[in-house]
Amino acid sequence: MPGPLLTKRVDDLESQLAFQEDTIESLNQLVTAQSELLTQLQKQVRALTAKHQQFQEQQNDTADTNAHEPPPHY
């Protein structure tokens, strides 16, 4: 029959294991949430980059058109 010291050690190990499993699950949930957030942010950056590029192209087209026209006060 195992002695009380061995039983206490097994109980302590089981307690540590339960705590570690809980910690791992919490960290897994956090990593999953951060991964989803990162994906959303990447989509937003792509959309903003595309809008910025369109704006720049419009500005360049407008600048090219206006460069050949005399100012309105002439």
C-alpha atoms as a PDB file:
ATOM      1  CA  MET A   1       0.000   0.000   0.000  1.00  0.00           C
ATOM      2  CA  PRO A   2       1.421   3.396  -0.916  1.00  0.00           C
ATOM      3  CA  GLY A   3       2.505   5.572   1.908  1.00  0.00           C
ATOM      4  CA  PRO A   4       1.024   8.973   2.726  1.00  0.00           C
ATOM      5  CA  LEU A   5       4.047  10.745   1.216  1.00  0.00           C
ATOM      6  CA  LEU A   6       3.554   9.026  -2.136  1.00  0.00           C
ATOM      7  CA  THR A   7      -0.180   9.778  -2.073  1.00  0.00           C
ATOM      8  CA  LYS A   8       0.522  13.452  -1.374  1.00  0.00           C
ATOM      9  CA  ARG A   9       3.038  13.604  -4.230  1.00  0.00           C
ATOM     10  CA  VAL A  10       0.533  12.037  -6.641  1.00  0.00           C
ATOM     11  CA  ASP A  11      -2.160  14.477  -5.479  1.00  0.00           C
ATOM     12  CA  ASP A  12       0.240  17.400  -5.976  1.00  0.00           C
ATOM     13  CA  LEU A  13       1.136  16.185  -9.468  1.00  0.00           C
ATOM     14  CA  GLU A  14      -2.532  15.777 -10.384  1.00  0.00           C
ATOM     15  CA  SER A  15      -3.198  19.296  -9.127  1.00  0.00           C
ATOM     16  CA  GLN A  16      -0.302  20.687 -11.167  1.00  0.00           C
ATOM     17  CA  LEU A  17      -1.483  18.803 -14.238  1.00  0.00           C
ATOM     18  CA  ALA A  18      -5.010  20.190 -13.895  1.00  0.00           C
ATOM     19  CA  PHE A  19      -3.618  23.716 -13.513  1.00  0.00           C
ATOM     20  CA  GLN A  20      -1.359  23.280 -16.547  1.00  0.00           C
ATOM     21  CA  GLU A  21      -4.214  21.943 -18.663  1.00  0.00           C
ATOM     22  CA  ASP A  22      -6.333  24.939 -17.686  1.00  0.00           C
ATOM     23  CA  THR A  23      -3.473  27.315 -18.504  1.00  0.00           C
ATOM     24  CA  ILE A  24      -2.875  25.657 -21.881  1.00  0.00           C
ATOM     25  CA  GLU A  25      -6.582  25.898 -22.739  1.00  0.00           C
ATOM     26  CA  SER A  26      -6.650  29.594 -21.776  1.00  0.00           C
ATOM     27  CA  LEU A  27      -3.557  30.287 -23.874  1.00  0.00           C
ATOM     28  CA  ASN A  28      -5.039  28.358 -26.792  1.00  0.00           C
ATOM     29  CA  GLN A  29      -8.196  30.466 -26.659  1.00  0.00           C
ATOM     30  CA  LEU A  30      -6.102  33.631 -26.534  1.00  0.00           C
ATOM     31  CA  VAL A  31      -3.986  32.578 -29.514  1.00  0.00           C
ATOM     32  CA  THR A  32      -7.114  31.690 -31.484  1.00  0.00           C
ATOM     33  CA  ALA A  33      -8.699  35.074 -30.734  1.00  0.00           C
ATOM     34  CA  GLN A  34      -5.505  36.908 -31.677  1.00  0.00           C
ATOM     35  CA  SER A  35      -5.251  34.925 -34.899  1.00  0.00           C
ATOM     36  CA  GLU A  36      -8.795  35.916 -35.847  1.00  0.00           C
ATOM     37  CA  LEU A  37      -8.062  39.545 -35.000  1.00  0.00           C
ATOM     38  CA  LEU A  38      -4.878  39.448 -37.056  1.00  0.00           C
ATOM     39  CA  THR A  39      -6.820  38.090 -40.031  1.00  0.00           C
ATOM     40  CA  GLN A  40      -9.373  40.907 -39.716  1.00  0.00           C
ATOM     41  CA  LEU A  41      -6.643  43.526 -39.458  1.00  0.00           C
ATOM     42  CA  GLN A  42      -4.884  42.136 -42.516  1.00  0.00           C
ATOM     43  CA  LYS A  43      -8.126  42.396 -44.512  1.00  0.00           C
ATOM     44  CA  GLN A  44      -8.585  45.985 -43.342  1.00  0.00           C
ATOM     45  CA  VAL A  45      -5.022  46.908 -44.280  1.00  0.00           C
ATOM     46  CA  ARG A  46      -5.497  45.395 -47.748  1.00  0.00           C
ATOM     47  CA  ALA A  47      -8.744  47.331 -48.215  1.00  0.00           C
ATOM     48  CA  LEU A  48      -7.171  50.583 -47.033  1.00  0.00           C
ATOM     49  CA  THR A  49      -4.160  50.031 -49.270  1.00  0.00           C
ATOM     50  CA  ALA A  50      -6.426  49.500 -52.271  1.00  0.00           C
ATOM     51  CA  LYS A  51      -8.445  52.628 -51.451  1.00  0.00           C
ATOM     52  CA  HIS A  52      -5.268  54.639 -50.975  1.00  0.00           C
ATOM     53  CA  GLN A  53      -3.914  53.430 -54.305  1.00  0.00           C
ATOM     54  CA  GLN A  54      -7.196  54.350 -56.048  1.00  0.00           C
ATOM     55  CA  PHE A  55      -7.088  57.784 -54.423  1.00  0.00           C
ATOM     56  CA  GLN A  56      -3.487  58.296 -55.528  1.00  0.00           C
ATOM     57  CA  GLU A  57      -4.379  57.292 -59.093  1.00  0.00           C
ATOM     58  CA  GLN A  58      -7.329  59.711 -59.088  1.00  0.00           C
ATOM     59  CA  GLN A  59      -5.096  62.476 -57.772  1.00  0.00           C
ATOM     60  CA  ASN A  60      -2.526  61.754 -60.480  1.00  0.00           C
ATOM     61  CA  ASP A  61      -5.205  61.730 -63.190  1.00  0.00           C
ATOM     62  CA  THR A  62      -6.631  65.020 -61.897  1.00  0.00           C
ATOM     63  CA  ALA A  63      -3.176  66.569 -61.682  1.00  0.00           C
ATOM     64  CA  ASP A  64      -2.380  65.511 -65.257  1.00  0.00           C
ATOM     65  CA  THR A  65      -5.672  66.924 -66.521  1.00  0.00           C
ATOM     66  CA  ASN A  66      -5.288  70.189 -64.644  1.00  0.00           C
ATOM     67  CA  ALA A  67      -1.652  70.620 -65.674  1.00  0.00           C
ATOM     68  CA  HIS A  68      -2.680  71.340 -69.276  1.00  0.00           C
ATOM     69  CA  GLU A  69      -5.539  73.708 -68.471  1.00  0.00           C
ATOM     70  CA  PRO A  70      -4.930  77.366 -67.716  1.00  0.00           C
ATOM     71  CA  PRO A  71      -6.009  78.556 -64.283  1.00  0.00           C
ATOM     72  CA  PRO A  72      -9.631  79.739 -64.099  1.00  0.00           C
ATOM     73  CA  HIS A  73      -8.696  83.405 -63.620  1.00  0.00           C
ATOM     74  CA  TYR A  74      -7.210  83.708 -67.137  1.00  0.00           C
END
